[in-house]
Amino acid sequence: MAMTLRLTDAQQEALRVTAEREQRSMQAVAADAIERYTSERNSRRNEIFAKIMDRDSDLLDRLAQG
């Protein structure tokens, strides 16, 4: 799937420098960054939900009973 990603000049330069340093394409570096970002966000969200479920399990049970 094609996508246009608009970056500031500074962001593009940082991506270019990183890709060059790692001997990878800018696309590969950007795709990896997106994958790590979304994975970390999803993991963090799941941790928060688990804490809420644990902390408020009695309340959630009462609400479920209606």
N, C-alpha and C. Protein backbone atom coordinates (compact mmCIF):
# COMPACT_ATOMS: atom_id res chain seq x y z
N MET A 1 0.85 -1.17 0.00
CA MET A 1 0.00 0.00 0.00
C MET A 1 0.90 1.24 0.00
N ALA A 2 0.64 2.13 -0.91
CA ALA A 2 1.43 3.36 -1.01
C ALA A 2 0.91 4.40 -0.03
N MET A 3 1.83 5.20 0.46
CA MET A 3 1.47 6.24 1.42
C MET A 3 2.46 7.38 1.28
N THR A 4 1.97 8.59 1.38
CA THR A 4 2.85 9.75 1.38
C THR A 4 3.01 10.21 2.82
N LEU A 5 4.22 10.35 3.25
CA LEU A 5 4.51 10.79 4.61
C LEU A 5 5.18 12.16 4.51
N ARG A 6 4.54 13.16 5.06
CA ARG A 6 5.09 14.50 5.02
C ARG A 6 5.90 14.76 6.29
N LEU A 7 7.15 15.06 6.12
CA LEU A 7 8.06 15.31 7.23
C LEU A 7 8.59 16.73 7.13
N THR A 8 8.95 17.27 8.28
CA THR A 8 9.65 18.55 8.26
C THR A 8 11.06 18.30 7.72
N ASP A 9 11.73 19.36 7.35
CA ASP A 9 13.10 19.21 6.87
C ASP A 9 13.97 18.55 7.93
N ALA A 10 13.78 18.94 9.18
CA ALA A 10 14.58 18.38 10.27
C ALA A 10 14.30 16.89 10.46
N GLN A 11 13.02 16.50 10.37
CA GLN A 11 12.67 15.10 10.51
C GLN A 11 13.24 14.27 9.36
N GLN A 12 13.15 14.81 8.16
CA GLN A 12 13.69 14.09 7.01
C GLN A 12 15.20 13.94 7.12
N GLU A 13 15.87 14.97 7.57
CA GLU A 13 17.33 14.89 7.72
C GLU A 13 17.70 13.89 8.80
N ALA A 14 16.97 13.88 9.91
CA ALA A 14 17.24 12.91 10.97
C ALA A 14 17.02 11.49 10.47
N LEU A 15 15.98 11.29 9.68
CA LEU A 15 15.71 9.98 9.11
C LEU A 15 16.82 9.58 8.13
N ARG A 16 17.24 10.52 7.31
CA ARG A 16 18.30 10.25 6.34
C ARG A 16 19.60 9.87 7.04
N VAL A 17 19.97 10.64 8.07
CA VAL A 17 21.21 10.39 8.80
C VAL A 17 21.15 9.02 9.48
N THR A 18 20.02 8.71 10.10
CA THR A 18 19.86 7.42 10.78
C THR A 18 19.96 6.27 9.78
N ALA A 19 19.27 6.40 8.66
CA ALA A 19 19.30 5.36 7.64
C ALA A 19 20.71 5.16 7.10
N GLU A 20 21.40 6.26 6.86
CA GLU A 20 22.77 6.16 6.37
C GLU A 20 23.68 5.50 7.40
N ARG A 21 23.54 5.89 8.65
CA ARG A 21 24.36 5.33 9.72
C ARG A 21 24.13 3.84 9.88
N GLU A 22 22.88 3.42 9.72
CA GLU A 22 22.53 2.02 9.89
C GLU A 22 22.62 1.23 8.59
N GLN A 23 22.98 1.90 7.52
CA GLN A 23 23.06 1.29 6.20
C GLN A 23 21.76 0.60 5.83
N ARG A 24 20.67 1.34 6.04
CA ARG A 24 19.33 0.86 5.71
C ARG A 24 18.64 1.94 4.90
N SER A 25 17.52 1.60 4.29
CA SER A 25 16.76 2.60 3.55
C SER A 25 15.97 3.46 4.54
N MET A 26 15.64 4.67 4.10
CA MET A 26 14.81 5.53 4.95
C MET A 26 13.46 4.87 5.18
N GLN A 27 12.93 4.19 4.17
CA GLN A 27 11.65 3.51 4.32
C GLN A 27 11.74 2.43 5.39
N ALA A 28 12.81 1.66 5.40
CA ALA A 28 12.97 0.60 6.40
C ALA A 28 13.06 1.17 7.80
N VAL A 29 13.80 2.27 7.96
CA VAL A 29 13.93 2.90 9.27
C VAL A 29 12.58 3.45 9.72
N ALA A 30 11.86 4.11 8.83
CA ALA A 30 10.56 4.67 9.17
C ALA A 30 9.56 3.57 9.51
N ALA A 31 9.53 2.50 8.72
CA ALA A 31 8.61 1.39 8.99
C ALA A 31 8.91 0.74 10.33
N ASP A 32 10.19 0.58 10.64
CA ASP A 32 10.59 0.00 11.93
C ASP A 32 10.16 0.91 13.08
N ALA A 33 10.33 2.20 12.91
CA ALA A 33 9.94 3.16 13.95
C ALA A 33 8.42 3.12 14.18
N ILE A 34 7.67 3.03 13.12
CA ILE A 34 6.21 2.95 13.25
C ILE A 34 5.80 1.66 13.94
N GLU A 35 6.43 0.56 13.57
CA GLU A 35 6.13 -0.73 14.20
C GLU A 35 6.43 -0.69 15.70
N ARG A 36 7.59 -0.16 16.06
CA ARG A 36 7.95 -0.08 17.49
C ARG A 36 6.99 0.84 18.24
N TYR A 37 6.66 1.97 17.65
CA TYR A 37 5.76 2.94 18.30
C TYR A 37 4.39 2.31 18.56
N THR A 38 3.81 1.70 17.52
CA THR A 38 2.47 1.14 17.69
C THR A 38 2.49 -0.06 18.64
N SER A 39 3.54 -0.87 18.59
CA SER A 39 3.65 -2.00 19.49
C SER A 39 3.75 -1.55 20.95
N GLU A 40 4.60 -0.55 21.19
CA GLU A 40 4.76 -0.04 22.55
C GLU A 40 3.47 0.59 23.05
N ARG A 41 2.77 1.33 22.19
CA ARG A 41 1.50 1.96 22.59
C ARG A 41 0.46 0.90 22.92
N ASN A 42 0.38 -0.15 22.10
CA ASN A 42 -0.59 -1.22 22.36
C ASN A 42 -0.25 -1.95 23.65
N SER A 43 1.02 -2.22 23.87
CA SER A 43 1.43 -2.89 25.11
C SER A 43 1.09 -2.04 26.32
N ARG A 44 1.38 -0.76 26.23
CA ARG A 44 1.08 0.15 27.35
C ARG A 44 -0.42 0.22 27.61
N ARG A 45 -1.22 0.30 26.54
CA ARG A 45 -2.67 0.33 26.70
C ARG A 45 -3.15 -0.94 27.38
N ASN A 46 -2.62 -2.09 26.96
CA ASN A 46 -3.02 -3.36 27.57
C ASN A 46 -2.64 -3.42 29.05
N GLU A 47 -1.48 -2.88 29.40
CA GLU A 47 -1.07 -2.84 30.81
C GLU A 47 -2.03 -1.98 31.62
N ILE A 48 -2.41 -0.84 31.08
CA ILE A 48 -3.33 0.06 31.79
C ILE A 48 -4.68 -0.62 31.97
N PHE A 49 -5.21 -1.24 30.91
CA PHE A 49 -6.48 -1.94 31.03
C PHE A 49 -6.41 -3.05 32.06
N ALA A 50 -5.32 -3.80 32.08
CA ALA A 50 -5.17 -4.89 33.05
C ALA A 50 -5.17 -4.34 34.48
N LYS A 51 -4.50 -3.22 34.70
CA LYS A 51 -4.49 -2.61 36.04
C LYS A 51 -5.88 -2.16 36.44
N ILE A 52 -6.60 -1.56 35.50
CA ILE A 52 -7.97 -1.12 35.79
C ILE A 52 -8.86 -2.32 36.11
N MET A 53 -8.74 -3.37 35.30
CA MET A 53 -9.55 -4.56 35.52
C MET A 53 -9.25 -5.18 36.88
N ASP A 54 -7.99 -5.21 37.26
CA ASP A 54 -7.60 -5.76 38.55
C ASP A 54 -8.08 -4.87 39.69
N ARG A 55 -7.80 -3.58 39.57
CA ARG A 55 -8.15 -2.64 40.63
C ARG A 55 -9.65 -2.52 40.83
N ASP A 56 -10.41 -2.52 39.75
CA ASP A 56 -11.84 -2.25 39.82
C ASP A 56 -12.69 -3.48 39.52
N SER A 57 -12.15 -4.67 39.75
CA SER A 57 -12.87 -5.89 39.38
C SER A 57 -14.22 -6.00 40.09
N ASP A 58 -14.28 -5.64 41.38
CA ASP A 58 -15.55 -5.72 42.10
C ASP A 58 -16.58 -4.77 41.49
N LEU A 59 -16.18 -3.57 41.22
CA LEU A 59 -17.08 -2.58 40.63
C LEU A 59 -17.54 -3.04 39.24
N LEU A 60 -16.63 -3.54 38.44
CA LEU A 60 -16.99 -4.01 37.12
C LEU A 60 -17.95 -5.20 37.18
N ASP A 61 -17.76 -6.09 38.15
CA ASP A 61 -18.68 -7.21 38.34
C ASP A 61 -20.08 -6.71 38.70
N ARG A 62 -20.15 -5.72 39.59
CA ARG A 62 -21.45 -5.17 39.99
C ARG A 62 -22.13 -4.49 38.81
N LEU A 63 -21.37 -3.77 38.03
CA LEU A 63 -21.94 -3.11 36.85
C LEU A 63 -22.45 -4.12 35.83
N ALA A 64 -21.72 -5.21 35.68
CA ALA A 64 -22.13 -6.24 34.73
C ALA A 64 -23.43 -6.93 35.14
N GLN A 65 -23.68 -6.99 36.46
CA GLN A 65 -24.88 -7.63 36.95
C GLN A 65 -26.10 -6.72 36.77
N GLY A 66 -25.87 -5.46 36.54
CA GLY A 66 -26.90 -4.53 36.15
C GLY A 66 -27.73 -3.99 37.19
